[in-house]
PDB file of N, CA and C in Angstrom:
ATOM      1  N   MET A   1       0.855  -1.186   0.000  1.00  0.00           N
ATOM      2  CA  MET A   1       0.000   0.000   0.000  1.00  0.00           C
ATOM      3  C   MET A   1       0.893   1.239   0.000  1.00  0.00           C
ATOM      4  N   GLN A   2       0.375   2.315  -0.503  1.00  0.00           N
ATOM      5  CA  GLN A   2       1.115   3.575  -0.616  1.00  0.00           C
ATOM      6  C   GLN A   2       1.495   4.094   0.771  1.00  0.00           C
ATOM      7  N   GLN A   3       2.764   4.364   0.974  1.00  0.00           N
ATOM      8  CA  GLN A   3       3.234   4.939   2.233  1.00  0.00           C
ATOM      9  C   GLN A   3       3.242   6.460   2.090  1.00  0.00           C
ATOM     10  N   LEU A   4       2.608   7.139   2.995  1.00  0.00           N
ATOM     11  CA  LEU A   4       2.505   8.589   2.924  1.00  0.00           C
ATOM     12  C   LEU A   4       3.418   9.230   3.965  1.00  0.00           C
ATOM     13  N   LYS A   5       3.821  10.454   3.708  1.00  0.00           N
ATOM     14  CA  LYS A   5       4.702  11.190   4.612  1.00  0.00           C
ATOM     15  C   LYS A   5       4.007  11.376   5.967  1.00  0.00           C
ATOM     16  N   ASN A   6       4.569  10.777   6.996  1.00  0.00           N
ATOM     17  CA  ASN A   6       4.049  10.848   8.364  1.00  0.00           C
ATOM     18  C   ASN A   6       2.652  10.255   8.509  1.00  0.00           C
ATOM     19  N   HIS A   7       2.156   9.610   7.493  1.00  0.00           N
ATOM     20  CA  HIS A   7       0.832   8.996   7.546  1.00  0.00           C
ATOM     21  C   HIS A   7       0.912   7.685   6.782  1.00  0.00           C
ATOM     22  N   SER A   8       0.236   6.687   7.264  1.00  0.00           N
ATOM     23  CA  SER A   8       0.185   5.446   6.494  1.00  0.00           C
ATOM     24  C   SER A   8      -1.271   5.048   6.334  1.00  0.00           C
ATOM     25  N   VAL A   9      -1.564   4.491   5.191  1.00  0.00           N
ATOM     26  CA  VAL A   9      -2.916   4.027   4.916  1.00  0.00           C
ATOM     27  C   VAL A   9      -2.990   2.583   5.363  1.00  0.00           C
ATOM     28  N   ASN A  10      -3.996   2.242   6.134  1.00  0.00           N
ATOM     29  CA  ASN A  10      -4.164   0.892   6.649  1.00  0.00           C
ATOM     30  C   ASN A  10      -4.444  -0.072   5.496  1.00  0.00           C
ATOM     31  N   PRO A  11      -3.553  -1.041   5.229  1.00  0.00           N
ATOM     32  CA  PRO A  11      -3.748  -1.926   4.073  1.00  0.00           C
ATOM     33  C   PRO A  11      -4.925  -2.882   4.217  1.00  0.00           C
ATOM     34  N   SER A  12      -5.402  -3.104   5.445  1.00  0.00           N
ATOM     35  CA  SER A  12      -6.532  -4.009   5.620  1.00  0.00           C
ATOM     36  C   SER A  12      -7.865  -3.305   5.356  1.00  0.00           C
ATOM     37  N   LYS A  13      -7.841  -1.989   5.332  1.00  0.00           N
ATOM     38  CA  LYS A  13      -9.067  -1.230   5.064  1.00  0.00           C
ATOM     39  C   LYS A  13      -9.175  -0.906   3.586  1.00  0.00           C
ATOM     40  N   GLU A  14     -10.389  -0.754   3.136  1.00  0.00           N
ATOM     41  CA  GLU A  14     -10.620  -0.294   1.766  1.00  0.00           C
ATOM     42  C   GLU A  14     -10.223   1.180   1.693  1.00  0.00           C
ATOM     43  N   LEU A  15      -9.511   1.550   0.643  1.00  0.00           N
ATOM     44  CA  LEU A  15      -9.073   2.937   0.491  1.00  0.00           C
ATOM     45  C   LEU A  15     -10.219   3.748  -0.100  1.00  0.00           C
ATOM     46  N   ARG A  16     -10.831   4.577   0.725  1.00  0.00           N
ATOM     47  CA  ARG A  16     -11.941   5.405   0.261  1.00  0.00           C
ATOM     48  C   ARG A  16     -11.411   6.762  -0.145  1.00  0.00           C
ATOM     49  N   MET A  17     -11.777   7.177  -1.344  1.00  0.00           N
ATOM     50  CA  MET A  17     -11.327   8.463  -1.861  1.00  0.00           C
ATOM     51  C   MET A  17     -12.471   9.468  -1.752  1.00  0.00           C
ATOM     52  N   VAL A  18     -12.130  10.709  -1.431  1.00  0.00           N
ATOM     53  CA  VAL A  18     -13.126  11.774  -1.359  1.00  0.00           C
ATOM     54  C   VAL A  18     -12.728  12.896  -2.310  1.00  0.00           C
ATOM     55  N   THR A  19     -13.734  13.546  -2.874  1.00  0.00           N
ATOM     56  CA  THR A  19     -13.511  14.673  -3.778  1.00  0.00           C
ATOM     57  C   THR A  19     -13.330  15.930  -2.945  1.00  0.00           C
ATOM     58  N   ILE A  20     -12.231  16.654  -3.194  1.00  0.00           N
ATOM     59  CA  ILE A  20     -12.027  17.906  -2.461  1.00  0.00           C
ATOM     60  C   ILE A  20     -12.188  19.124  -3.356  1.00  0.00           C
ATOM     61  N   ALA A  21     -12.181  18.924  -4.677  1.00  0.00           N
ATOM     62  CA  ALA A  21     -12.344  20.052  -5.596  1.00  0.00           C
ATOM     63  C   ALA A  21     -12.777  19.535  -6.961  1.00  0.00           C
ATOM     64  N   VAL A  22     -13.515  20.382  -7.685  1.00  0.00           N
ATOM     65  CA  VAL A  22     -13.958  20.064  -9.046  1.00  0.00           C
ATOM     66  C   VAL A  22     -13.556  21.234  -9.938  1.00  0.00           C
ATOM     67  N   PHE A  23     -12.940  20.911 -11.071  1.00  0.00           N
ATOM     68  CA  PHE A  23     -12.437  21.935 -11.991  1.00  0.00           C
ATOM     69  C   PHE A  23     -12.984  21.721 -13.394  1.00  0.00           C
ATOM     70  N   LYS A  24     -13.096  22.798 -14.152  1.00  0.00           N
ATOM     71  CA  LYS A  24     -13.477  22.715 -15.563  1.00  0.00           C
ATOM     72  C   LYS A  24     -12.255  22.497 -16.444  1.00  0.00           C
ATOM     73  N   LYS A  25     -11.083  22.952 -15.991  1.00  0.00           N
ATOM     74  CA  LYS A  25      -9.853  22.815 -16.781  1.00  0.00           C
ATOM     75  C   LYS A  25      -8.909  21.828 -16.104  1.00  0.00           C
ATOM     76  N   MET A  26      -8.350  20.932 -16.909  1.00  0.00           N
ATOM     77  CA  MET A  26      -7.440  19.931 -16.370  1.00  0.00           C
ATOM     78  C   MET A  26      -6.200  20.569 -15.751  1.00  0.00           C
ATOM     79  N   GLU A  27      -5.717  21.665 -16.342  1.00  0.00           N
ATOM     80  CA  GLU A  27      -4.504  22.312 -15.843  1.00  0.00           C
ATOM     81  C   GLU A  27      -4.652  22.730 -14.382  1.00  0.00           C
ATOM     82  N   HIS A  28      -5.828  23.228 -14.013  1.00  0.00           N
ATOM     83  CA  HIS A  28      -6.056  23.671 -12.641  1.00  0.00           C
ATOM     84  C   HIS A  28      -6.050  22.486 -11.679  1.00  0.00           C
ATOM     85  N   ALA A  29      -6.663  21.392 -12.090  1.00  0.00           N
ATOM     86  CA  ALA A  29      -6.698  20.194 -11.247  1.00  0.00           C
ATOM     87  C   ALA A  29      -5.299  19.622 -11.055  1.00  0.00           C
ATOM     88  N   VAL A  30      -4.518  19.572 -12.118  1.00  0.00           N
ATOM     89  CA  VAL A  30      -3.162  19.026 -12.046  1.00  0.00           C
ATOM     90  C   VAL A  30      -2.268  19.916 -11.190  1.00  0.00           C
ATOM     91  N   GLN A  31      -2.433  21.225 -11.305  1.00  0.00           N
ATOM     92  CA  GLN A  31      -1.626  22.165 -10.520  1.00  0.00           C
ATOM     93  C   GLN A  31      -1.846  21.946  -9.020  1.00  0.00           C
ATOM     94  N   LEU A  32      -3.095  21.813  -8.608  1.00  0.00           N
ATOM     95  CA  LEU A  32      -3.384  21.595  -7.191  1.00  0.00           C
ATOM     96  C   LEU A  32      -2.952  20.195  -6.758  1.00  0.00           C
ATOM     97  N   SER A  33      -3.096  19.224  -7.635  1.00  0.00           N
ATOM     98  CA  SER A  33      -2.648  17.863  -7.345  1.00  0.00           C
ATOM     99  C   SER A  33      -1.142  17.827  -7.092  1.00  0.00           C
ATOM    100  N   LYS A  34      -0.381  18.558  -7.891  1.00  0.00           N
ATOM    101  CA  LYS A  34       1.076  18.621  -7.704  1.00  0.00           C
ATOM    102  C   LYS A  34       1.432  19.257  -6.367  1.00  0.00           C
ATOM    103  N   LYS A  35       0.690  20.287  -5.976  1.00  0.00           N
ATOM    104  CA  LYS A  35       0.944  20.946  -4.695  1.00  0.00           C
ATOM    105  C   LYS A  35       0.750  19.954  -3.545  1.00  0.00           C
ATOM    106  N   ILE A  36      -0.279  19.124  -3.645  1.00  0.00           N
ATOM    107  CA  ILE A  36      -0.570  18.144  -2.595  1.00  0.00           C
ATOM    108  C   ILE A  36       0.469  17.026  -2.589  1.00  0.00           C
ATOM    109  N   THR A  37       0.800  16.495  -3.761  1.00  0.00           N
ATOM    110  CA  THR A  37       1.752  15.380  -3.823  1.00  0.00           C
ATOM    111  C   THR A  37       3.168  15.825  -3.464  1.00  0.00           C
ATOM    112  N   ASN A  38       3.516  17.071  -3.733  1.00  0.00           N
ATOM    113  CA  ASN A  38       4.837  17.574  -3.348  1.00  0.00           C
ATOM    114  C   ASN A  38       5.008  17.631  -1.833  1.00  0.00           C
ATOM    115  N   LYS A  39       3.902  17.706  -1.104  1.00  0.00           N
ATOM    116  CA  LYS A  39       3.948  17.688   0.359  1.00  0.00           C
ATOM    117  C   LYS A  39       3.940  16.258   0.902  1.00  0.00           C
ATOM    118  N   GLY A  40       3.896  15.253   0.015  1.00  0.00           N
ATOM    119  CA  GLY A  40       3.972  13.859   0.446  1.00  0.00           C
ATOM    120  C   GLY A  40       2.639  13.161   0.585  1.00  0.00           C
ATOM    121  N   PHE A  41       1.573  13.774   0.125  1.00  0.00           N
ATOM    122  CA  PHE A  41       0.251  13.164   0.221  1.00  0.00           C
ATOM    123  C   PHE A  41      -0.153  12.552  -1.115  1.00  0.00           C
ATOM    124  N   LEU A  42      -1.063  11.611  -1.067  1.00  0.00           N
ATOM    125  CA  LEU A  42      -1.568  10.941  -2.252  1.00  0.00           C
ATOM    126  C   LEU A  42      -2.744  11.731  -2.818  1.00  0.00           C
ATOM    127  N   ALA A  43      -2.753  11.974  -4.133  1.00  0.00           N
ATOM    128  CA  ALA A  43      -3.859  12.686  -4.782  1.00  0.00           C
ATOM    129  C   ALA A  43      -4.027  12.170  -6.205  1.00  0.00           C
ATOM    130  N   TYR A  44      -5.265  12.089  -6.649  1.00  0.00           N
ATOM    131  CA  TYR A  44      -5.591  11.658  -8.005  1.00  0.00           C
ATOM    132  C   TYR A  44      -6.464  12.704  -8.679  1.00  0.00           C
ATOM    133  N   VAL A  45      -6.347  12.796  -9.996  1.00  0.00           N
ATOM    134  CA  VAL A  45      -7.263  13.611 -10.784  1.00  0.00           C
ATOM    135  C   VAL A  45      -8.097  12.644 -11.612  1.00  0.00           C
ATOM    136  N   ALA A  46      -9.409  12.759 -11.504  1.00  0.00           N
ATOM    137  CA  ALA A  46     -10.314  11.876 -12.242  1.00  0.00           C
ATOM    138  C   ALA A  46     -11.236  12.713 -13.119  1.00  0.00           C
ATOM    139  N   THR A  47     -11.581  12.184 -14.276  1.00  0.00           N
ATOM    140  CA  THR A  47     -12.523  12.882 -15.153  1.00  0.00           C
ATOM    141  C   THR A  47     -13.922  12.343 -14.915  1.00  0.00           C
ATOM    142  N   ARG A  48     -14.893  13.196 -15.156  1.00  0.00           N
ATOM    143  CA  ARG A  48     -16.288  12.790 -15.007  1.00  0.00           C
ATOM    144  C   ARG A  48     -17.119  13.594 -15.990  1.00  0.00           C
ATOM    145  N   ILE A  49     -18.034  12.923 -16.628  1.00  0.00           N
ATOM    146  CA  ILE A  49     -18.938  13.610 -17.547  1.00  0.00           C
ATOM    147  C   ILE A  49     -20.209  13.938 -16.779  1.00  0.00           C
ATOM    148  N   GLY A  50     -20.490  15.231 -16.640  1.00  0.00           N
ATOM    149  CA  GLY A  50     -21.687  15.663 -15.941  1.00  0.00           C
ATOM    150  C   GLY A  50     -22.876  15.729 -16.883  1.00  0.00           C
ATOM    151  N   ASN A  51     -24.065  15.770 -16.319  1.00  0.00           N
ATOM    152  CA  ASN A  51     -25.280  15.826 -17.132  1.00  0.00           C
ATOM    153  C   ASN A  51     -25.427  17.154 -17.857  1.00  0.00           C
ATOM    154  N   LYS A  52     -25.193  18.247 -17.145  1.00  0.00           N
ATOM    155  CA  LYS A  52     -25.409  19.575 -17.723  1.00  0.00           C
ATOM    156  C   LYS A  52     -24.105  20.271 -18.098  1.00  0.00           C
ATOM    157  N   ASN A  53     -23.084  20.070 -17.288  1.00  0.00           N
ATOM    158  CA  ASN A  53     -21.863  20.861 -17.433  1.00  0.00           C
ATOM    159  C   ASN A  53     -20.810  20.242 -18.329  1.00  0.00           C
ATOM    160  N   GLY A  54     -21.041  19.070 -18.855  1.00  0.00           N
ATOM    161  CA  GLY A  54     -20.039  18.426 -19.694  1.00  0.00           C
ATOM    162  C   GLY A  54     -18.926  17.822 -18.860  1.00  0.00           C
ATOM    163  N   LEU A  55     -17.730  17.779 -19.425  1.00  0.00           N
ATOM    164  CA  LEU A  55     -16.593  17.135 -18.769  1.00  0.00           C
ATOM    165  C   LEU A  55     -16.038  18.011 -17.650  1.00  0.00           C
ATOM    166  N   ASN A  56     -15.762  17.389 -16.502  1.00  0.00           N
ATOM    167  CA  ASN A  56     -15.080  18.106 -15.431  1.00  0.00           C
ATOM    168  C   ASN A  56     -14.022  17.207 -14.808  1.00  0.00           C
ATOM    169  N   TYR A  57     -13.148  17.809 -14.030  1.00  0.00           N
ATOM    170  CA  TYR A  57     -12.010  17.111 -13.435  1.00  0.00           C
ATOM    171  C   TYR A  57     -12.114  17.207 -11.923  1.00  0.00           C
ATOM    172  N   ARG A  58     -12.049  16.070 -11.267  1.00  0.00           N
ATOM    173  CA  ARG A  58     -12.197  16.005  -9.816  1.00  0.00           C
ATOM    174  C   ARG A  58     -10.871  15.651  -9.169  1.00  0.00           C
ATOM    175  N   LEU A  59     -10.554  16.331  -8.089  1.00  0.00           N
ATOM    176  CA  LEU A  59      -9.342  16.049  -7.327  1.00  0.00           C
ATOM    177  C   LEU A  59      -9.736  15.155  -6.155  1.00  0.00           C
ATOM    178  N   LEU A  60      -9.155  13.955  -6.109  1.00  0.00           N
ATOM    179  CA  LEU A  60      -9.498  12.960  -5.094  1.00  0.00           C
ATOM    180  C   LEU A  60      -8.310  12.698  -4.176  1.00  0.00           C
ATOM    181  N   ILE A  61      -8.606  12.543  -2.882  1.00  0.00           N
ATOM    182  CA  ILE A  61      -7.582  12.176  -1.902  1.00  0.00           C
ATOM    183  C   ILE A  61      -8.167  11.100  -0.988  1.00  0.00           C
ATOM    184  N   PRO A  62      -7.318  10.334  -0.286  1.00  0.00           N
ATOM    185  CA  PRO A  62      -7.834   9.344   0.666  1.00  0.00           C
ATOM    186  C   PRO A  62      -8.593  10.022   1.805  1.00  0.00           C
ATOM    187  N   GLU A  63      -9.681   9.400   2.212  1.00  0.00           N
ATOM    188  CA  GLU A  63     -10.520   9.955   3.268  1.00  0.00           C
ATOM    189  C   GLU A  63      -9.752  10.112   4.584  1.00  0.00           C
ATOM    190  N   GLU A  64      -8.810   9.206   4.844  1.00  0.00           N
ATOM    191  CA  GLU A  64      -8.061   9.211   6.105  1.00  0.00           C
ATOM    192  C   GLU A  64      -7.192  10.459   6.285  1.00  0.00           C
ATOM    193  N   ILE A  65      -6.766  11.069   5.195  1.00  0.00           N
ATOM    194  CA  ILE A  65      -5.880  12.240   5.306  1.00  0.00           C
ATOM    195  C   ILE A  65      -6.585  13.532   4.898  1.00  0.00           C
ATOM    196  N   HIS A  66      -7.901  13.476   4.803  1.00  0.00           N
ATOM    197  CA  HIS A  66      -8.689  14.616   4.337  1.00  0.00           C
ATOM    198  C   HIS A  66      -8.445  15.871   5.174  1.00  0.00           C
ATOM    199  N   LYS A  67      -8.431  15.722   6.496  1.00  0.00           N
ATOM    200  CA  LYS A  67      -8.271  16.892   7.370  1.00  0.00           C
ATOM    201  C   LYS A  67      -6.884  17.513   7.247  1.00  0.00           C
ATOM    202  N   GLU A  68      -5.845  16.671   7.127  1.00  0.00           N
ATOM    203  CA  GLU A  68      -4.482  17.189   6.999  1.00  0.00           C
ATOM    204  C   GLU A  68      -4.310  17.964   5.699  1.00  0.00           C
ATOM    205  N   VAL A  69      -4.869  17.439   4.615  1.00  0.00           N
ATOM    206  CA  VAL A  69      -4.748  18.101   3.314  1.00  0.00           C
ATOM    207  C   VAL A  69      -5.552  19.393   3.302  1.00  0.00           C
ATOM    208  N   LYS A  70      -6.695  19.392   3.962  1.00  0.00           N
ATOM    209  CA  LYS A  70      -7.510  20.599   4.038  1.00  0.00           C
ATOM    210  C   LYS A  70      -6.737  21.725   4.735  1.00  0.00           C
ATOM    211  N   LYS A  71      -6.029  21.384   5.814  1.00  0.00           N
ATOM    212  CA  LYS A  71      -5.207  22.374   6.518  1.00  0.00           C
ATOM    213  C   LYS A  71      -4.110  22.906   5.602  1.00  0.00           C
ATOM    214  N   LEU A  72      -3.510  22.018   4.818  1.00  0.00           N
ATOM    215  CA  LEU A  72      -2.454  22.400   3.882  1.00  0.00           C
ATOM    216  C   LEU A  72      -2.976  23.398   2.854  1.00  0.00           C
ATOM    217  N   LEU A  73      -4.185  23.183   2.360  1.00  0.00           N
ATOM    218  CA  LEU A  73      -4.743  24.040   1.322  1.00  0.00           C
ATOM    219  C   LEU A  73      -5.199  25.388   1.863  1.00  0.00           C
ATOM    220  N   ILE A  74      -5.618  25.428   3.108  1.00  0.00           N
ATOM    221  CA  ILE A  74      -6.105  26.681   3.694  1.00  0.00           C
ATOM    222  C   ILE A  74      -4.945  27.634   3.959  1.00  0.00           C
ATOM    223  N   HIS A  75      -3.796  27.117   4.380  1.00  0.00           N
ATOM    224  CA  HIS A  75      -2.644  27.973   4.717  1.00  0.00           C
ATOM    225  C   HIS A  75      -1.821  28.313   3.518  1.00  0.00           C
TER     226      HIS A  75
END
């Protein structure tokens, strides 16, 4: 399982991902993803086709580190 900086994901648990941001442009999603991964956290960018808005990009992180990443983004 992915080892995170000062955090480890429990390999016996299912890794639940949560969406922390939705973008219309891939560049914006990738930029924020790089900021998170450079701090040692796991982040994914996923595409999704919406009903009304067309294609959008979602930034996903593990639920277990959601609070730590939120603090990182606020400061």
